[in-house]
Amino acid sequence: MGNVIRGILGAACLCAVLGQSGVAAAEEWMDLPPMSTDQLEGASGRQGIPLQWQLNENQQSAMVTGNVLSGPSMTGDNLISDHAFENMSGIATVIQNTGNQVVIQDSTQVNILINR
């Protein structure tokens, strides 16, 4: 994920946790004093944060069976314009397929860990 998307996702999660609008949450955080060098050094490398174990499972079981494709088979062009993702926000999944008799399965898991 790019830094911009990471920042947007982080801000959205922070707002969800705080239960406030993005502007109010940002204003509250802006008033906090900057951390000292000692505080930053003590927080690096997840120091003092207990180990977190997380297991994500995803089961996809689609099948293509018994299909028959006879005769000429035409498929369309598979094009994405240069501005297709210009106003995209959040997490997007894009799948393209130019074949016949295909099963496409997709899964997206977003894991967010916030320690207070």
N, C-alpha and C. Protein backbone atom coordinates (compact mmCIF):
# COMPACT_ATOMS: atom_id res chain seq x y z
N MET A 1 0.84 -1.18 0.00
CA MET A 1 0.00 0.00 0.00
C MET A 1 0.88 1.24 0.00
N GLY A 2 0.48 2.23 -0.72
CA GLY A 2 1.24 3.46 -0.74
C GLY A 2 1.08 4.24 0.55
N ASN A 3 1.97 5.19 0.76
CA ASN A 3 1.93 6.00 1.99
C ASN A 3 0.64 6.78 2.12
N VAL A 4 0.10 7.26 0.99
CA VAL A 4 -1.15 8.03 1.04
C VAL A 4 -2.29 7.16 1.53
N ILE A 5 -2.40 5.96 0.98
CA ILE A 5 -3.49 5.06 1.40
C ILE A 5 -3.29 4.65 2.85
N ARG A 6 -2.04 4.37 3.26
CA ARG A 6 -1.77 4.04 4.65
C ARG A 6 -2.20 5.16 5.58
N GLY A 7 -1.91 6.40 5.19
CA GLY A 7 -2.29 7.54 6.01
C GLY A 7 -3.79 7.70 6.13
N ILE A 8 -4.48 7.53 5.01
CA ILE A 8 -5.94 7.64 5.01
C ILE A 8 -6.56 6.55 5.85
N LEU A 9 -6.06 5.31 5.69
CA LEU A 9 -6.59 4.19 6.46
C LEU A 9 -6.32 4.39 7.94
N GLY A 10 -5.13 4.87 8.29
CA GLY A 10 -4.81 5.12 9.69
C GLY A 10 -5.70 6.18 10.30
N ALA A 11 -5.93 7.26 9.56
CA ALA A 11 -6.80 8.33 10.06
C ALA A 11 -8.23 7.83 10.23
N ALA A 12 -8.71 7.03 9.29
CA ALA A 12 -10.08 6.51 9.38
C ALA A 12 -10.22 5.59 10.59
N CYS A 13 -9.21 4.75 10.84
CA CYS A 13 -9.27 3.85 11.99
C CYS A 13 -9.20 4.63 13.29
N LEU A 14 -8.36 5.63 13.32
CA LEU A 14 -8.26 6.46 14.52
C LEU A 14 -9.59 7.13 14.82
N CYS A 15 -10.23 7.63 13.79
CA CYS A 15 -11.54 8.27 13.98
C CYS A 15 -12.58 7.27 14.47
N ALA A 16 -12.53 6.05 13.94
CA ALA A 16 -13.48 5.03 14.36
C ALA A 16 -13.26 4.68 15.83
N VAL A 17 -12.00 4.58 16.24
CA VAL A 17 -11.70 4.25 17.63
C VAL A 17 -12.12 5.37 18.57
N LEU A 18 -11.86 6.59 18.17
CA LEU A 18 -12.21 7.72 19.01
C LEU A 18 -13.68 8.08 18.93
N GLY A 19 -14.35 7.61 17.88
CA GLY A 19 -15.77 7.89 17.73
C GLY A 19 -16.06 9.34 17.40
N GLN A 20 -15.14 10.00 16.71
CA GLN A 20 -15.31 11.41 16.39
C GLN A 20 -15.05 11.62 14.92
N SER A 21 -15.34 12.82 14.46
CA SER A 21 -15.04 13.14 13.07
C SER A 21 -13.55 13.32 12.90
N GLY A 22 -13.05 13.21 11.68
CA GLY A 22 -11.63 13.33 11.41
C GLY A 22 -11.06 14.67 11.82
N VAL A 23 -11.80 15.74 11.64
CA VAL A 23 -11.28 17.07 11.97
C VAL A 23 -11.08 17.20 13.47
N ALA A 24 -12.05 16.80 14.26
CA ALA A 24 -11.93 16.92 15.71
C ALA A 24 -10.81 16.05 16.24
N ALA A 25 -10.67 14.84 15.74
CA ALA A 25 -9.61 13.95 16.20
C ALA A 25 -8.25 14.52 15.85
N ALA A 26 -8.10 15.06 14.67
CA ALA A 26 -6.82 15.64 14.25
C ALA A 26 -6.47 16.84 15.12
N GLU A 27 -7.45 17.65 15.44
CA GLU A 27 -7.19 18.82 16.28
C GLU A 27 -6.73 18.41 17.67
N GLU A 28 -7.33 17.37 18.23
CA GLU A 28 -6.92 16.90 19.55
C GLU A 28 -5.49 16.40 19.54
N TRP A 29 -5.11 15.68 18.51
CA TRP A 29 -3.76 15.14 18.42
C TRP A 29 -2.74 16.25 18.16
N MET A 30 -3.14 17.31 17.47
CA MET A 30 -2.22 18.39 17.16
C MET A 30 -1.82 19.17 18.41
N ASP A 31 -2.64 19.14 19.44
CA ASP A 31 -2.34 19.87 20.66
C ASP A 31 -1.36 19.14 21.58
N LEU A 32 -1.09 17.87 21.30
CA LEU A 32 -0.18 17.12 22.16
C LEU A 32 1.26 17.59 21.95
N PRO A 33 2.05 17.62 23.01
CA PRO A 33 3.45 18.03 22.85
C PRO A 33 4.23 16.95 22.10
N PRO A 34 5.28 17.35 21.37
CA PRO A 34 6.08 16.35 20.66
C PRO A 34 6.80 15.43 21.64
N MET A 35 7.04 14.20 21.21
CA MET A 35 7.75 13.25 22.06
C MET A 35 9.23 13.60 22.07
N SER A 36 9.86 13.36 23.21
CA SER A 36 11.30 13.60 23.31
C SER A 36 12.06 12.48 22.62
N THR A 37 13.35 12.70 22.42
CA THR A 37 14.20 11.68 21.80
C THR A 37 14.21 10.41 22.65
N ASP A 38 14.28 10.56 23.96
CA ASP A 38 14.25 9.39 24.85
C ASP A 38 12.95 8.61 24.73
N GLN A 39 11.83 9.32 24.64
CA GLN A 39 10.53 8.64 24.48
C GLN A 39 10.47 7.89 23.16
N LEU A 40 10.95 8.51 22.10
CA LEU A 40 10.94 7.85 20.80
C LEU A 40 11.85 6.62 20.78
N GLU A 41 13.03 6.73 21.40
CA GLU A 41 13.94 5.59 21.45
C GLU A 41 13.33 4.44 22.25
N GLY A 42 12.60 4.76 23.32
CA GLY A 42 11.97 3.73 24.13
C GLY A 42 10.81 3.05 23.45
N ALA A 43 10.23 3.69 22.44
CA ALA A 43 9.07 3.13 21.76
C ALA A 43 9.44 2.43 20.46
N SER A 44 10.69 2.49 20.05
CA SER A 44 11.05 1.90 18.76
C SER A 44 11.07 0.38 18.85
N GLY A 45 10.83 -0.26 17.74
CA GLY A 45 10.88 -1.72 17.69
C GLY A 45 9.81 -2.39 18.51
N ARG A 46 8.69 -1.73 18.74
CA ARG A 46 7.57 -2.28 19.51
C ARG A 46 7.99 -2.64 20.93
N GLN A 47 8.99 -1.97 21.45
CA GLN A 47 9.46 -2.23 22.81
C GLN A 47 8.33 -2.01 23.80
N GLY A 48 8.15 -2.95 24.70
CA GLY A 48 7.13 -2.83 25.73
C GLY A 48 5.74 -3.25 25.27
N ILE A 49 5.60 -3.61 24.03
CA ILE A 49 4.30 -4.06 23.53
C ILE A 49 4.33 -5.59 23.49
N PRO A 50 3.41 -6.25 24.15
CA PRO A 50 3.44 -7.71 24.17
C PRO A 50 3.24 -8.28 22.75
N LEU A 51 3.78 -9.45 22.54
CA LEU A 51 3.67 -10.13 21.25
C LEU A 51 2.20 -10.36 20.91
N GLN A 52 1.85 -10.03 19.70
CA GLN A 52 0.49 -10.24 19.22
C GLN A 52 0.49 -11.39 18.23
N TRP A 53 -0.39 -12.34 18.39
CA TRP A 53 -0.51 -13.46 17.47
C TRP A 53 -1.85 -13.36 16.78
N GLN A 54 -1.83 -13.46 15.51
CA GLN A 54 -3.06 -13.34 14.75
C GLN A 54 -3.07 -14.37 13.65
N LEU A 55 -4.17 -15.06 13.49
CA LEU A 55 -4.32 -16.06 12.45
C LEU A 55 -5.53 -15.69 11.60
N ASN A 56 -5.30 -15.55 10.32
CA ASN A 56 -6.39 -15.25 9.39
C ASN A 56 -6.60 -16.45 8.49
N GLU A 57 -7.84 -16.82 8.35
CA GLU A 57 -8.16 -17.95 7.49
C GLU A 57 -9.15 -17.50 6.43
N ASN A 58 -8.99 -18.06 5.26
CA ASN A 58 -9.89 -17.75 4.17
C ASN A 58 -10.09 -19.01 3.36
N GLN A 59 -11.31 -19.43 3.19
CA GLN A 59 -11.58 -20.64 2.42
C GLN A 59 -12.33 -20.26 1.16
N GLN A 60 -11.75 -20.63 0.04
CA GLN A 60 -12.38 -20.40 -1.25
C GLN A 60 -12.48 -21.75 -1.95
N SER A 61 -13.66 -22.10 -2.40
CA SER A 61 -13.84 -23.46 -2.91
C SER A 61 -14.63 -23.51 -4.21
N ALA A 62 -14.53 -22.50 -5.03
CA ALA A 62 -15.27 -22.52 -6.29
C ALA A 62 -14.65 -23.53 -7.25
N MET A 63 -15.48 -24.10 -8.13
CA MET A 63 -15.01 -25.06 -9.12
C MET A 63 -15.68 -24.78 -10.46
N VAL A 64 -14.98 -25.08 -11.49
CA VAL A 64 -15.54 -25.06 -12.84
C VAL A 64 -15.48 -26.49 -13.34
N THR A 65 -16.64 -27.12 -13.52
CA THR A 65 -16.65 -28.51 -13.99
C THR A 65 -17.77 -28.70 -15.01
N GLY A 66 -17.54 -29.58 -15.91
CA GLY A 66 -18.57 -29.97 -16.87
C GLY A 66 -18.90 -28.93 -17.91
N ASN A 67 -18.13 -27.88 -18.02
CA ASN A 67 -18.40 -26.86 -19.02
C ASN A 67 -17.85 -27.28 -20.36
N VAL A 68 -18.55 -26.92 -21.41
CA VAL A 68 -18.09 -27.22 -22.77
C VAL A 68 -18.12 -25.92 -23.56
N LEU A 69 -17.02 -25.64 -24.20
CA LEU A 69 -16.92 -24.48 -25.07
C LEU A 69 -16.65 -25.00 -26.47
N SER A 70 -17.60 -24.83 -27.36
CA SER A 70 -17.42 -25.38 -28.71
C SER A 70 -17.54 -24.26 -29.73
N GLY A 71 -16.79 -24.40 -30.78
CA GLY A 71 -16.82 -23.39 -31.83
C GLY A 71 -15.94 -22.21 -31.46
N PRO A 72 -15.95 -21.22 -32.33
CA PRO A 72 -15.11 -20.03 -32.06
C PRO A 72 -15.56 -19.33 -30.78
N SER A 73 -14.61 -18.88 -30.03
CA SER A 73 -14.90 -18.18 -28.78
C SER A 73 -14.32 -16.78 -28.86
N MET A 74 -15.16 -15.80 -28.66
CA MET A 74 -14.71 -14.41 -28.73
C MET A 74 -14.70 -13.84 -27.31
N THR A 75 -13.64 -13.15 -27.01
CA THR A 75 -13.58 -12.42 -25.75
C THR A 75 -13.29 -10.97 -26.06
N GLY A 76 -13.68 -10.10 -25.18
CA GLY A 76 -13.49 -8.67 -25.40
C GLY A 76 -12.10 -8.21 -24.99
N ASP A 77 -11.86 -6.96 -25.26
CA ASP A 77 -10.60 -6.36 -24.85
C ASP A 77 -10.60 -6.15 -23.34
N ASN A 78 -9.45 -6.15 -22.77
CA ASN A 78 -9.28 -5.96 -21.34
C ASN A 78 -8.45 -4.69 -21.15
N LEU A 79 -9.14 -3.58 -20.99
CA LEU A 79 -8.46 -2.29 -20.95
C LEU A 79 -8.78 -1.54 -19.66
N ILE A 80 -7.79 -0.80 -19.18
CA ILE A 80 -7.99 0.12 -18.07
C ILE A 80 -7.51 1.47 -18.55
N SER A 81 -8.36 2.48 -18.45
CA SER A 81 -7.97 3.80 -18.93
C SER A 81 -6.94 4.43 -18.00
N ASP A 82 -6.26 5.44 -18.47
CA ASP A 82 -5.20 6.07 -17.67
C ASP A 82 -5.73 6.80 -16.44
N HIS A 83 -7.01 7.08 -16.36
CA HIS A 83 -7.58 7.78 -15.20
C HIS A 83 -8.54 6.88 -14.41
N ALA A 84 -8.47 5.59 -14.60
CA ALA A 84 -9.42 4.67 -13.98
C ALA A 84 -9.39 4.73 -12.45
N PHE A 85 -8.23 4.97 -11.87
CA PHE A 85 -8.12 4.96 -10.41
C PHE A 85 -7.89 6.36 -9.85
N GLU A 86 -8.17 7.35 -10.63
CA GLU A 86 -7.86 8.74 -10.25
C GLU A 86 -8.54 9.18 -8.96
N ASN A 87 -9.80 8.89 -8.77
CA ASN A 87 -10.54 9.32 -7.58
C ASN A 87 -10.80 8.19 -6.61
N MET A 88 -10.02 7.14 -6.70
CA MET A 88 -10.20 5.99 -5.82
C MET A 88 -9.81 6.36 -4.39
N SER A 89 -10.54 5.84 -3.45
CA SER A 89 -10.17 6.00 -2.04
C SER A 89 -10.48 4.70 -1.32
N GLY A 90 -9.85 4.51 -0.21
CA GLY A 90 -10.08 3.29 0.55
C GLY A 90 -9.30 2.13 -0.04
N ILE A 91 -9.82 0.96 0.14
CA ILE A 91 -9.16 -0.25 -0.35
C ILE A 91 -9.97 -0.77 -1.53
N ALA A 92 -9.32 -0.94 -2.64
CA ALA A 92 -10.01 -1.39 -3.85
C ALA A 92 -9.39 -2.70 -4.33
N THR A 93 -10.22 -3.53 -4.89
CA THR A 93 -9.76 -4.76 -5.52
C THR A 93 -10.14 -4.69 -6.99
N VAL A 94 -9.18 -4.91 -7.84
CA VAL A 94 -9.43 -4.86 -9.28
C VAL A 94 -9.05 -6.21 -9.86
N ILE A 95 -9.98 -6.83 -10.55
CA ILE A 95 -9.74 -8.12 -11.18
C ILE A 95 -10.12 -8.00 -12.64
N GLN A 96 -9.26 -8.48 -13.50
CA GLN A 96 -9.56 -8.49 -14.92
C GLN A 96 -9.41 -9.90 -15.45
N ASN A 97 -10.25 -10.23 -16.43
CA ASN A 97 -10.21 -11.57 -17.00
C ASN A 97 -10.62 -11.49 -18.47
N THR A 98 -9.86 -12.12 -19.32
CA THR A 98 -10.22 -12.15 -20.73
C THR A 98 -10.56 -13.56 -21.19
N GLY A 99 -10.63 -14.50 -20.28
CA GLY A 99 -10.87 -15.89 -20.66
C GLY A 99 -12.31 -16.29 -20.57
N ASN A 100 -12.56 -17.54 -20.87
CA ASN A 100 -13.89 -18.13 -20.78
C ASN A 100 -13.88 -19.22 -19.72
N GLN A 101 -15.02 -19.41 -19.10
CA GLN A 101 -15.21 -20.47 -18.13
C GLN A 101 -14.16 -20.41 -17.02
N VAL A 102 -14.10 -19.28 -16.39
CA VAL A 102 -13.12 -19.03 -15.35
C VAL A 102 -13.83 -18.68 -14.05
N VAL A 103 -13.32 -19.18 -12.97
CA VAL A 103 -13.80 -18.78 -11.65
C VAL A 103 -12.74 -17.86 -11.06
N ILE A 104 -13.17 -16.70 -10.64
CA ILE A 104 -12.25 -15.77 -9.99
C ILE A 104 -12.72 -15.59 -8.56
N GLN A 105 -11.82 -15.84 -7.64
CA GLN A 105 -12.13 -15.62 -6.24
C GLN A 105 -11.10 -14.65 -5.68
N ASP A 106 -11.56 -13.77 -4.84
CA ASP A 106 -10.67 -12.75 -4.28
C ASP A 106 -11.00 -12.57 -2.81
N SER A 107 -9.99 -12.23 -2.06
CA SER A 107 -10.20 -11.99 -0.64
C SER A 107 -9.26 -10.87 -0.20
N THR A 108 -9.75 -9.99 0.63
CA THR A 108 -8.93 -8.92 1.19
C THR A 108 -9.11 -8.93 2.69
N GLN A 109 -8.01 -8.99 3.40
CA GLN A 109 -8.06 -8.93 4.86
C GLN A 109 -7.25 -7.72 5.30
N VAL A 110 -7.85 -6.91 6.14
CA VAL A 110 -7.18 -5.73 6.68
C VAL A 110 -7.09 -5.91 8.18
N ASN A 111 -5.87 -5.94 8.67
CA ASN A 111 -5.64 -6.12 10.10
C ASN A 111 -5.06 -4.84 10.67
N ILE A 112 -5.69 -4.33 11.70
CA ILE A 112 -5.24 -3.08 12.32
C ILE A 112 -5.04 -3.35 13.81
N LEU A 113 -3.86 -3.02 14.28
CA LEU A 113 -3.56 -3.18 15.70
C LEU A 113 -3.28 -1.80 16.28
N ILE A 114 -4.07 -1.39 17.25
CA ILE A 114 -3.89 -0.10 17.89
C ILE A 114 -3.62 -0.36 19.36
N ASN A 115 -2.48 0.05 19.81
CA ASN A 115 -2.11 -0.09 21.22
C ASN A 115 -2.17 1.27 21.88
N ARG A 116 -2.80 1.33 23.00
CA ARG A 116 -2.90 2.60 23.73
C ARG A 116 -1.97 2.59 24.91
